[in-house]
């Protein structure tokens, strides 16, 4: 029998999965004509009301508070409902589902639920680069994920990834917003010259390295490793190449880690090391060097993203020989087990369907999948099915922006191969054409922030209005798309 003074009897349009109770207080997300409100029902003197600001009405012997979706309300919910608080995920198979517009989390949650909770999810994930391009803050990313998690009633735990951080200031602002997973990107410190340098040149370059990462301090010279099926020996050339290529990057990671460690204090956190956004693959010997040096410098990490062989372009499948990739990741996985264990991370992992099974099998589940832009593409797919004219405007603009916006991405799409707008007959299917897909993927920042002459946003308001008016269509597209992503990681062959 339903209590007559319960939220479920309050004649509110409650999102069904959001209803929950804790410590005698009931919570739910209620839909109103002007937008959703957090509903809190408790006895009038309950201390919970100190955590929220909003409109209060009497409901029998209880007080009903309706709070707007503000940062203050999000913080209050996280304080009252522990399952909304991000936490470290450890070595469990995990997946990050980045959201560039703040409306994708419900669909992400449904995909995670379809995976029976076997994949630990990260719903709040965005890189500093993406935040800059979309004009969002770390707190906005965190709060938008909170609303999605709350509305869908996901209580099985979440992480929160502050992605591709480059400076201590990046760490500080993300730590303040409540992130628990910090991805350090030292790509700017990776030395590309090693690929063509002679031994003499490597010696000269090594002499220029900071004292703390001089090759002689590594203890690796002439050392051999037998790691499962790998046999690695650090002769002088091998060590110098690894040290010159990655030494300064490793030192940067160590400095960032120790800054994070001090700033976090007693708060738990996890670290990921990312060297994937470089031109040349990370060899197995270079991976050993990175892991060995990170340990020597006192760094603790939960996952590492090497630069694998082949191409990991944005929003499209793996480009390369999958058999060669399997051999490559098998070696990296063996090293991760030996020096950790820690997870291997698949960055630019969206839509790499041909290698998910390989990665899951070779890492034995010690793997993290990282996606971002594919959720934006599913937003475009939703829009294309609802408002073809608007999607055509976006695609036309994206073509104009592509040559500029592609500069910081590894993509190979060409405008000449992408259909011209007046040649497109099936607009939703355009999302499945390779070149158009990459063009739409990398121009997200321009689309979401471009302004009209009067300073108003050209696309953003209409873009988000369509998605807000059709939440089930967007969530359904995301659930289907991400279920396809997660399924290969559910079993290890």
Protein backbone atom coordinates (compact mmCIF):
# COMPACT_ATOMS: atom_id res chain seq x y z
CA UNK A 1 0.00 0.00 0.00
CA UNK A 2 1.39 3.41 -1.04
CA UNK A 3 1.74 5.93 1.78
CA UNK A 4 -0.69 8.77 1.09
CA UNK A 5 2.04 11.24 1.93
CA UNK A 6 4.69 9.69 -0.32
CA UNK A 7 6.23 11.25 -3.42
CA UNK A 8 4.59 8.59 -5.57
CA UNK A 9 1.18 9.91 -4.45
CA UNK A 10 2.03 13.58 -4.75
CA UNK A 11 0.57 14.05 -8.24
CA UNK A 12 3.99 14.91 -9.62
CA UNK A 13 5.33 13.77 -12.95
CA UNK A 14 8.25 11.83 -11.42
CA UNK A 15 10.86 10.16 -13.62
CA UNK A 16 10.08 6.56 -12.54
CA UNK A 17 13.65 5.39 -12.00
CA UNK A 18 14.65 8.51 -10.06
CA UNK A 19 12.45 7.75 -7.06
CA UNK A 20 14.51 6.67 -4.08
CA UNK A 21 14.61 7.04 -0.31
CA UNK A 22 17.38 7.29 2.24
CA UNK A 23 17.31 7.93 5.98
CA UNK A 24 13.58 8.56 5.97
CA UNK A 25 13.77 11.09 3.13
CA UNK A 26 12.27 10.57 -0.33
CA UNK A 27 13.83 11.94 -3.50
CA UNK A 28 12.76 12.10 -7.12
CA UNK A 29 13.18 14.08 -10.30
CA UNK A 30 9.91 15.71 -11.34
CA UNK A 31 9.10 17.12 -14.76
CA UNK A 32 7.42 20.52 -15.01
CA UNK A 33 6.55 22.70 -18.01
CA UNK A 34 9.52 24.95 -17.29
CA UNK A 35 11.90 22.05 -16.75
CA UNK A 36 12.73 19.38 -14.18
CA UNK A 37 12.95 19.93 -10.43
CA UNK A 38 14.42 17.79 -7.68
CA UNK A 39 11.65 16.80 -5.26
CA UNK A 40 12.57 16.17 -1.62
CA UNK A 41 9.95 14.96 0.85
CA UNK A 42 10.68 14.74 4.58
CA UNK A 43 9.46 15.82 7.99
CA UNK A 44 9.65 19.61 8.34
CA UNK A 45 12.50 19.52 10.85
CA UNK A 46 14.64 17.09 8.86
CA UNK A 47 18.25 18.35 8.48
CA UNK A 48 18.21 17.43 4.78
CA UNK A 49 16.54 20.75 3.93
CA UNK A 50 19.76 22.56 4.86
CA UNK A 51 21.32 21.03 1.74
CA UNK A 52 18.80 22.46 -0.72
CA UNK A 53 17.21 25.71 -1.79
CA UNK A 54 13.81 25.84 -3.47
CA UNK A 55 10.08 26.13 -3.06
CA UNK A 56 8.55 24.39 -0.04
CA UNK A 57 4.93 23.34 0.45
CA UNK A 58 3.22 21.33 3.14
CA UNK A 59 2.20 17.85 2.12
CA UNK A 60 0.27 16.32 4.99
CA UNK A 61 2.60 16.08 7.93
CA UNK A 62 5.66 16.44 5.70
CA UNK A 63 7.36 19.19 3.72
CA UNK A 64 7.82 18.92 -0.03
CA UNK A 65 10.72 20.90 -1.44
CA UNK A 66 11.12 21.49 -5.19
CA UNK A 67 14.65 22.56 -6.08
CA UNK A 68 15.90 23.78 -9.46
CA UNK A 69 18.71 21.95 -11.22
CA UNK A 70 21.57 24.14 -10.00
CA UNK A 71 25.12 23.34 -8.88
CA UNK A 72 23.94 23.81 -5.30
CA UNK A 73 21.17 21.23 -5.77
CA UNK A 74 23.55 18.78 -7.46
CA UNK A 75 26.01 19.13 -4.57
CA UNK A 76 23.18 18.58 -2.09
CA UNK A 77 22.10 15.40 -3.85
CA UNK A 78 25.62 14.02 -3.92
CA UNK A 79 25.99 14.81 -0.22
CA UNK A 80 22.76 12.97 0.64
CA UNK A 81 22.95 10.04 -1.80
CA UNK A 82 26.37 8.43 -1.62
CA UNK A 83 25.86 6.45 -4.81
CA UNK A 84 25.94 9.70 -6.79
CA UNK A 85 29.48 10.41 -5.58
CA UNK A 86 32.25 9.35 -7.97
CA UNK A 87 34.73 6.87 -6.56
CA UNK A 88 37.82 4.96 -7.70
CA UNK A 89 36.96 1.93 -9.82
CA UNK A 90 40.14 -0.08 -9.37
CA UNK A 91 41.02 -2.82 -11.81
CA UNK A 92 37.48 -3.69 -12.86
CA UNK A 93 36.81 -3.59 -16.60
CA UNK A 94 35.61 -0.06 -17.18
CA UNK A 95 34.31 2.32 -19.82
CA UNK A 96 34.24 6.10 -20.06
CA UNK A 97 31.32 7.60 -21.93
CA UNK A 98 32.09 11.23 -22.56
CA UNK A 99 29.23 13.69 -23.03
CA UNK A 100 29.96 16.95 -24.82
CA UNK A 101 26.52 18.51 -24.39
CA UNK A 102 25.41 17.24 -20.97
CA UNK A 103 22.35 15.26 -22.08
CA UNK A 104 23.77 11.82 -22.87
CA UNK A 105 24.03 10.24 -19.42
CA UNK A 106 20.54 8.63 -19.37
CA UNK A 107 21.37 6.68 -22.53
CA UNK A 108 24.80 5.78 -21.15
CA UNK A 109 23.22 4.51 -17.93
CA UNK A 110 20.81 2.32 -19.86
CA UNK A 111 23.67 0.74 -21.78
CA UNK A 112 25.59 0.15 -18.54
CA UNK A 113 22.48 -1.42 -17.04
CA UNK A 114 22.12 -3.66 -20.11
CA UNK A 115 25.67 -4.86 -19.37
CA UNK A 116 24.40 -6.23 -16.03
CA UNK A 117 26.76 -4.01 -14.07
CA UNK A 118 29.79 -5.97 -15.35
CA UNK A 119 31.39 -2.84 -16.81
CA UNK A 120 32.27 -0.12 -14.30
CA UNK A 121 31.06 3.14 -15.87
CA UNK A 122 32.47 6.64 -15.99
CA UNK A 123 29.68 9.01 -16.99
CA UNK A 124 31.39 12.30 -16.12
CA UNK A 125 34.30 12.41 -18.54
CA UNK A 126 35.62 15.29 -20.55
CA UNK A 127 39.04 16.51 -21.57
CA UNK A 128 40.30 20.00 -20.94
CA UNK A 129 40.46 20.45 -24.72
CA UNK A 130 36.80 19.49 -25.08
CA UNK A 131 35.73 21.75 -22.21
CA UNK A 132 37.52 24.65 -23.84
CA UNK A 133 35.86 24.00 -27.18
CA UNK A 134 32.38 23.65 -25.73
CA UNK A 135 32.66 26.40 -23.12
CA UNK A 136 31.89 24.00 -20.26
CA UNK A 137 33.51 23.83 -16.85
CA UNK A 138 34.50 20.70 -14.90
CA UNK A 139 31.66 21.45 -12.47
CA UNK A 140 29.13 21.56 -15.29
CA UNK A 141 30.37 18.22 -16.60
CA UNK A 142 30.06 16.72 -13.13
CA UNK A 143 26.61 18.16 -12.47
CA UNK A 144 25.18 17.15 -15.85
CA UNK A 145 26.28 13.58 -15.20
CA UNK A 146 24.70 13.76 -11.73
CA UNK A 147 21.30 14.64 -13.20
CA UNK A 148 21.48 11.75 -15.65
CA UNK A 149 22.56 9.22 -13.03
CA UNK A 150 19.84 10.42 -10.64
CA UNK A 151 17.08 10.40 -13.26
CA UNK A 152 17.93 6.82 -14.23
CA UNK A 153 18.41 5.58 -10.67
CA UNK A 154 21.88 4.11 -11.26
CA UNK A 155 23.22 3.11 -7.84
CA UNK A 156 25.98 0.65 -8.75
CA UNK A 157 28.85 3.12 -8.52
CA UNK A 158 30.52 5.54 -10.93
CA UNK A 159 33.89 7.07 -11.65
CA UNK A 160 34.60 10.57 -13.00
CA UNK A 161 37.44 11.16 -15.47
CA UNK A 162 39.22 14.50 -15.75
CA UNK A 163 40.70 13.67 -19.12
CA UNK A 164 43.92 14.70 -20.86
CA UNK A 165 45.14 17.06 -18.16
CA UNK A 166 48.31 18.96 -18.98
CA UNK A 167 48.96 21.39 -16.10
CA UNK A 168 48.69 21.45 -12.30
CA UNK A 169 45.95 24.06 -12.70
CA UNK A 170 43.94 21.53 -14.74
CA UNK A 171 44.22 19.11 -11.84
CA UNK A 172 43.15 21.67 -9.25
CA UNK A 173 39.94 22.75 -10.99
CA UNK A 174 38.90 19.16 -11.69
CA UNK A 175 39.70 18.01 -8.17
CA UNK A 176 37.55 20.83 -6.81
CA UNK A 177 34.66 19.63 -8.98
CA UNK A 178 34.83 16.14 -7.47
CA UNK A 179 36.60 14.12 -10.15
CA UNK A 180 38.29 10.94 -8.96
CA UNK A 181 40.07 9.64 -12.09
CA UNK A 182 42.82 11.86 -13.52
CA UNK A 183 44.25 11.22 -16.98
CA UNK A 184 47.62 12.87 -17.42
CA UNK A 185 48.61 13.72 -20.99
CA UNK A 186 52.36 14.34 -21.36
CA UNK A 187 52.21 14.16 -25.16
CA UNK A 188 53.82 17.57 -25.58
CA UNK A 189 56.96 16.18 -23.91
CA UNK A 190 57.38 13.11 -26.13
CA UNK A 191 60.43 13.60 -28.36
CA UNK A 192 59.72 12.63 -31.97
CA UNK A 193 63.36 12.96 -33.02
CA UNK A 194 64.23 9.49 -31.73
CA UNK A 195 62.66 7.76 -34.72
CA UNK A 196 65.42 8.93 -37.06
CA UNK A 197 68.25 9.78 -34.63
CA UNK A 198 71.57 7.96 -34.82
CA UNK A 199 73.21 6.48 -31.74
CA UNK A 200 75.53 9.49 -31.57
CA UNK A 201 72.56 11.85 -31.75
CA UNK A 202 70.73 9.87 -29.06
CA UNK A 203 73.73 10.21 -26.76
CA UNK A 204 73.76 13.96 -27.31
CA UNK A 205 70.03 14.26 -26.71
CA UNK A 206 70.25 12.12 -23.58
CA UNK A 207 72.82 14.45 -22.08
CA UNK A 208 70.24 17.24 -22.29
CA UNK A 209 67.69 15.39 -20.17
CA UNK A 210 67.03 16.62 -16.62
CA UNK A 211 69.24 15.01 -13.96
CA UNK A 212 66.44 12.95 -12.39
CA UNK A 213 65.79 11.07 -15.62
CA UNK A 214 69.28 10.57 -16.94
CA UNK A 215 69.34 7.06 -18.54
CA UNK A 216 71.97 5.86 -16.06
CA UNK A 217 69.58 6.40 -13.17
CA UNK A 218 67.01 4.01 -14.60
CA UNK A 219 69.04 0.90 -13.78
CA UNK A 220 67.96 -0.59 -17.10
CA UNK A 221 71.21 -0.56 -19.09
CA UNK A 222 72.02 -4.11 -20.22
CA UNK A 223 69.11 -5.45 -18.20
CA UNK A 224 66.98 -8.19 -19.76
CA UNK A 225 63.32 -9.04 -19.15
CA UNK A 226 61.48 -12.23 -19.90
CA UNK A 227 57.79 -11.35 -19.63
CA UNK A 228 55.56 -14.19 -20.75
CA UNK A 229 56.32 -14.47 -24.49
CA UNK A 230 58.36 -11.27 -24.62
CA UNK A 231 62.12 -11.04 -24.44
CA UNK A 232 63.40 -7.48 -24.00
CA UNK A 233 67.01 -6.35 -23.50
CA UNK A 234 68.04 -2.76 -22.91
CA UNK A 235 71.24 -2.35 -24.84
CA UNK A 236 72.51 1.21 -25.08
CA UNK A 237 70.56 2.12 -28.20
CA UNK A 238 67.28 0.70 -26.87
CA UNK A 239 67.62 2.49 -23.55
CA UNK A 240 68.68 5.81 -25.05
CA UNK A 241 65.85 5.80 -27.55
CA UNK A 242 63.28 5.09 -24.83
CA UNK A 243 64.76 7.63 -22.43
CA UNK A 244 65.03 10.42 -24.97
CA UNK A 245 61.58 9.73 -26.41
CA UNK A 246 59.70 9.37 -23.13
CA UNK A 247 61.98 10.54 -20.29
CA UNK A 248 60.74 14.12 -20.08
CA UNK A 249 57.16 12.92 -20.46
CA UNK A 250 57.62 10.51 -17.55
CA UNK A 251 59.11 13.31 -15.44
CA UNK A 252 56.08 15.47 -16.24
CA UNK A 253 53.68 12.68 -15.21
CA UNK A 254 55.58 12.25 -11.94
CA UNK A 255 55.39 15.97 -11.20
CA UNK A 256 51.67 16.02 -11.97
CA UNK A 257 51.06 12.91 -9.84
CA UNK A 258 52.85 14.33 -6.82
CA UNK A 259 50.95 17.61 -7.19
CA UNK A 260 47.69 15.65 -7.30
CA UNK A 261 48.72 13.52 -4.35
CA UNK A 262 49.38 16.60 -2.23
CA UNK A 263 46.29 18.48 -3.39
CA UNK A 264 43.96 15.51 -2.85
CA UNK A 265 45.10 14.93 0.71
CA UNK A 266 43.02 12.08 2.11
CA UNK A 267 40.63 11.98 -0.85
CA UNK A 268 40.99 8.78 -2.89
CA UNK A 269 41.89 9.13 -6.56
CA UNK A 270 43.17 7.14 -9.52
CA UNK A 271 45.70 8.05 -12.19
CA UNK A 272 45.83 7.17 -15.85
CA UNK A 273 48.90 7.83 -17.98
CA UNK A 274 48.24 8.63 -21.63
CA UNK A 275 50.91 8.64 -24.32
CA UNK A 276 48.55 7.69 -27.13
CA UNK A 277 48.36 10.99 -28.98
CA UNK A 278 51.75 10.68 -30.65
CA UNK A 279 52.78 9.89 -34.20
CA UNK A 280 54.82 6.76 -33.52
CA UNK A 281 53.69 3.60 -31.67
CA UNK A 282 54.96 2.80 -28.20
CA UNK A 283 57.22 -0.24 -28.52
CA UNK A 284 57.18 -2.96 -25.89
CA UNK A 285 60.62 -1.94 -24.66
CA UNK A 286 59.44 1.67 -24.38
CA UNK A 287 56.44 0.52 -22.37
CA UNK A 288 58.80 -1.30 -19.98
CA UNK A 289 60.88 1.87 -19.71
CA UNK A 290 57.81 4.00 -18.92
CA UNK A 291 56.50 1.58 -16.30
CA UNK A 292 59.89 1.07 -14.69
CA UNK A 293 60.62 4.79 -14.49
CA UNK A 294 57.16 5.68 -13.18
CA UNK A 295 57.64 3.19 -10.36
CA UNK A 296 61.13 4.50 -9.65
CA UNK A 297 59.72 8.04 -9.39
CA UNK A 298 57.02 6.97 -6.93
CA UNK A 299 54.00 7.16 -9.24
CA UNK A 300 51.00 4.88 -8.73
CA UNK A 301 48.64 4.42 -11.65
CA UNK A 302 45.62 2.29 -12.49
CA UNK A 303 45.74 2.40 -16.29
CA UNK A 304 48.04 3.33 -19.13
CA UNK A 305 47.27 4.23 -22.73
CA UNK A 306 50.22 3.46 -24.99
CA UNK A 307 50.22 4.42 -28.65
CA UNK A 308 49.29 1.10 -30.27
CA UNK A 309 50.12 0.19 -33.84
CA UNK A 310 47.56 1.06 -36.49
CA UNK A 311 45.37 4.14 -36.49
CA UNK A 312 42.82 5.12 -33.84
CA UNK A 313 40.96 7.84 -35.66
CA UNK A 314 37.99 9.66 -34.20
CA UNK A 315 34.58 8.04 -34.45
CA UNK A 316 35.48 5.25 -36.89
CA UNK A 317 36.67 1.66 -36.66
CA UNK A 318 40.29 0.62 -36.14
CA UNK A 319 42.43 1.17 -39.22
CA UNK A 320 45.13 -1.46 -39.60
CA UNK A 321 45.89 -5.17 -39.49
CA UNK A 322 43.88 -6.62 -36.61
CA UNK A 323 46.23 -9.62 -36.33
CA UNK A 324 49.16 -7.26 -35.91
CA UNK A 325 47.17 -5.28 -33.34
CA UNK A 326 46.48 -8.46 -31.40
CA UNK A 327 50.19 -9.26 -31.25
CA UNK A 328 50.96 -5.70 -30.19
CA UNK A 329 48.38 -5.43 -27.41
CA UNK A 330 49.24 -8.94 -26.19
CA UNK A 331 52.75 -7.72 -25.44
CA UNK A 332 51.54 -4.54 -23.78
CA UNK A 333 49.08 -6.55 -21.67
CA UNK A 334 51.86 -8.88 -20.50
CA UNK A 335 53.93 -5.88 -19.44
CA UNK A 336 50.94 -4.39 -17.61
CA UNK A 337 50.47 -7.62 -15.67
CA UNK A 338 54.19 -7.78 -14.84
CA UNK A 339 54.64 -4.19 -13.67
CA UNK A 340 51.18 -3.70 -12.18
CA UNK A 341 48.81 -5.14 -12.59
CA UNK A 342 47.17 -2.16 -14.24
CA UNK A 343 44.67 -1.72 -17.03
CA UNK A 344 45.43 -0.87 -20.63
CA UNK A 345 43.34 2.02 -21.88
CA UNK A 346 41.88 2.37 -25.37
CA UNK A 347 41.76 6.07 -26.16
CA UNK A 348 39.84 7.34 -29.16
CA UNK A 349 38.05 4.08 -28.47
CA UNK A 350 34.73 5.00 -30.04
CA UNK A 351 33.47 2.62 -32.72
CA UNK A 352 36.56 0.36 -32.74
CA UNK A 353 34.32 -2.68 -33.00
CA UNK A 354 36.83 -4.88 -34.83
CA UNK A 355 39.28 -4.88 -31.90
CA UNK A 356 37.14 -4.85 -28.76
CA UNK A 357 37.09 -8.62 -28.47
CA UNK A 358 40.84 -8.76 -29.03
CA UNK A 359 41.50 -6.15 -26.37
CA UNK A 360 39.23 -7.85 -23.85
CA UNK A 361 40.79 -11.25 -24.45
CA UNK A 362 44.44 -10.20 -24.42
CA UNK A 363 44.14 -7.96 -21.35
CA UNK A 364 42.05 -10.62 -19.55
CA UNK A 365 39.61 -7.87 -18.65
CA UNK A 366 42.22 -5.42 -17.40
CA UNK A 367 41.06 -2.80 -19.87
CA UNK A 368 39.48 0.63 -19.94
CA UNK A 369 37.54 1.88 -22.95
CA UNK A 370 37.41 5.63 -23.46
CA UNK A 371 34.85 7.22 -25.78
CA UNK A 372 33.68 10.79 -26.25
CA UNK A 373 32.60 12.14 -29.61
CA UNK A 374 30.49 9.16 -30.58
CA UNK A 375 27.76 10.38 -28.20
CA UNK A 376 27.74 13.71 -30.01
CA UNK A 377 27.36 11.83 -33.29
CA UNK A 378 24.37 9.97 -31.86
CA UNK A 379 22.89 13.35 -30.95
CA UNK A 380 23.29 14.33 -34.59
CA UNK A 381 21.69 11.06 -35.66
CA UNK A 382 18.72 11.88 -33.44
CA UNK A 383 18.46 15.37 -34.89
CA UNK A 384 18.76 14.08 -38.46
CA UNK A 385 15.71 11.88 -37.93
CA UNK A 386 13.67 14.74 -36.43
CA UNK A 387 14.75 17.92 -38.26
CA UNK A 388 16.50 17.23 -41.56
CA UNK A 389 16.74 20.91 -42.47
CA UNK A 390 18.59 21.76 -39.27
CA UNK A 391 20.95 18.80 -39.65
CA UNK A 392 21.72 19.95 -43.18
CA UNK A 393 22.66 23.39 -41.80
CA UNK A 394 25.02 21.77 -39.29
CA UNK A 395 26.65 19.56 -41.91
CA UNK A 396 27.14 22.47 -44.31
CA UNK A 397 28.78 24.50 -41.54
CA UNK A 398 30.91 21.54 -40.44
CA UNK A 399 32.33 21.22 -43.95
CA UNK A 400 33.33 24.88 -43.80
CA UNK A 401 35.07 24.41 -40.43
CA UNK A 402 36.74 21.05 -41.03
CA UNK A 403 40.13 22.15 -42.36
CA UNK A 404 40.61 24.39 -39.32
CA UNK A 405 39.16 22.14 -36.63
CA UNK A 406 40.96 18.96 -37.70
CA UNK A 407 44.38 20.38 -36.79
CA UNK A 408 44.53 18.83 -33.31
CA UNK A 409 43.04 15.45 -34.25
CA UNK A 410 44.27 12.27 -35.91
CA UNK A 411 41.80 12.04 -38.78
CA UNK A 412 42.09 11.29 -42.49
CA UNK A 413 38.68 12.37 -43.80
CA UNK A 414 38.73 14.47 -46.96
CA UNK A 415 36.11 17.00 -47.95
CA UNK A 416 36.27 15.79 -51.53
CA UNK A 417 35.12 12.32 -50.49
CA UNK A 418 32.27 13.50 -48.26
CA UNK A 419 28.92 13.92 -50.02
CA UNK A 420 27.97 17.48 -50.90
CA UNK A 421 24.82 18.63 -49.09
CA UNK A 422 22.78 18.78 -52.30
CA UNK A 423 23.73 15.18 -53.09
CA UNK A 424 22.54 13.69 -49.79
CA UNK A 425 19.26 11.77 -50.03
CA UNK A 426 19.32 9.90 -46.70
CA UNK A 427 20.45 12.29 -43.99
CA UNK A 428 20.56 9.90 -40.98
CA UNK A 429 22.68 7.51 -43.09
CA UNK A 430 25.23 10.30 -43.58
CA UNK A 431 26.44 9.48 -40.05
CA UNK A 432 27.70 6.13 -41.40
CA UNK A 433 29.79 7.60 -44.25
CA UNK A 434 33.46 7.63 -43.15
CA UNK A 435 34.47 11.12 -44.24
CA UNK A 436 31.24 12.84 -43.24
CA UNK A 437 31.40 11.11 -39.86
CA UNK A 438 34.89 12.40 -39.08
CA UNK A 439 34.03 15.87 -40.38
CA UNK A 440 31.03 16.05 -38.08
CA UNK A 441 33.01 14.55 -35.20
CA UNK A 442 35.87 17.06 -35.01
CA UNK A 443 33.78 20.19 -35.64
CA UNK A 444 31.64 19.75 -32.51
CA UNK A 445 33.24 22.72 -30.73
CA UNK A 446 32.54 25.10 -33.57
CA UNK A 447 28.96 23.88 -33.95
CA UNK A 448 28.20 24.23 -30.25
CA UNK A 449 29.78 27.67 -29.82
CA UNK A 450 29.38 29.50 -33.16
CA UNK A 451 27.61 32.83 -32.78
CA UNK A 452 25.31 34.94 -34.90
CA UNK A 453 26.09 38.60 -35.57
CA UNK A 454 24.08 39.61 -32.50
CA UNK A 455 26.11 37.33 -30.22
CA UNK A 456 23.46 34.63 -29.88
CA UNK A 457 24.48 31.04 -30.44
CA UNK A 458 23.82 29.93 -33.99
CA UNK A 459 23.16 26.23 -33.38
CA UNK A 460 23.40 25.39 -29.69
CA UNK A 461 19.97 26.39 -28.40
CA UNK A 462 18.08 24.69 -31.21
CA UNK A 463 20.40 21.68 -31.00
CA UNK A 464 19.77 21.11 -27.29
CA UNK A 465 16.07 22.01 -27.55
CA UNK A 466 15.50 19.18 -30.02
CA UNK A 467 17.26 16.70 -27.73
CA UNK A 468 15.42 17.93 -24.62
CA UNK A 469 12.11 17.64 -26.43
CA UNK A 470 12.94 14.11 -27.59
CA UNK A 471 14.87 12.56 -24.68
CA UNK A 472 13.68 9.02 -25.32
CA UNK A 473 14.79 9.09 -28.95
CA UNK A 474 18.28 10.24 -27.97
CA UNK A 475 18.53 7.79 -25.06
CA UNK A 476 17.40 4.91 -27.26
CA UNK A 477 20.03 5.70 -29.89
CA UNK A 478 22.71 5.89 -27.21
CA UNK A 479 21.61 2.70 -25.51
CA UNK A 480 21.76 0.75 -28.78
CA UNK A 481 25.10 2.27 -29.76
CA UNK A 482 26.81 1.77 -26.40
CA UNK A 483 25.43 -1.68 -25.83
CA UNK A 484 27.25 -2.58 -29.03
CA UNK A 485 30.41 -1.02 -27.55
CA UNK A 486 30.20 -2.79 -24.19
CA UNK A 487 29.03 -6.28 -25.19
CA UNK A 488 32.45 -7.49 -26.43
CA UNK A 489 33.93 -6.75 -22.99
CA UNK A 490 31.41 -8.83 -21.06
CA UNK A 491 33.18 -12.15 -21.55
CA UNK A 492 36.78 -13.17 -21.91
CA UNK A 493 37.38 -15.89 -24.44
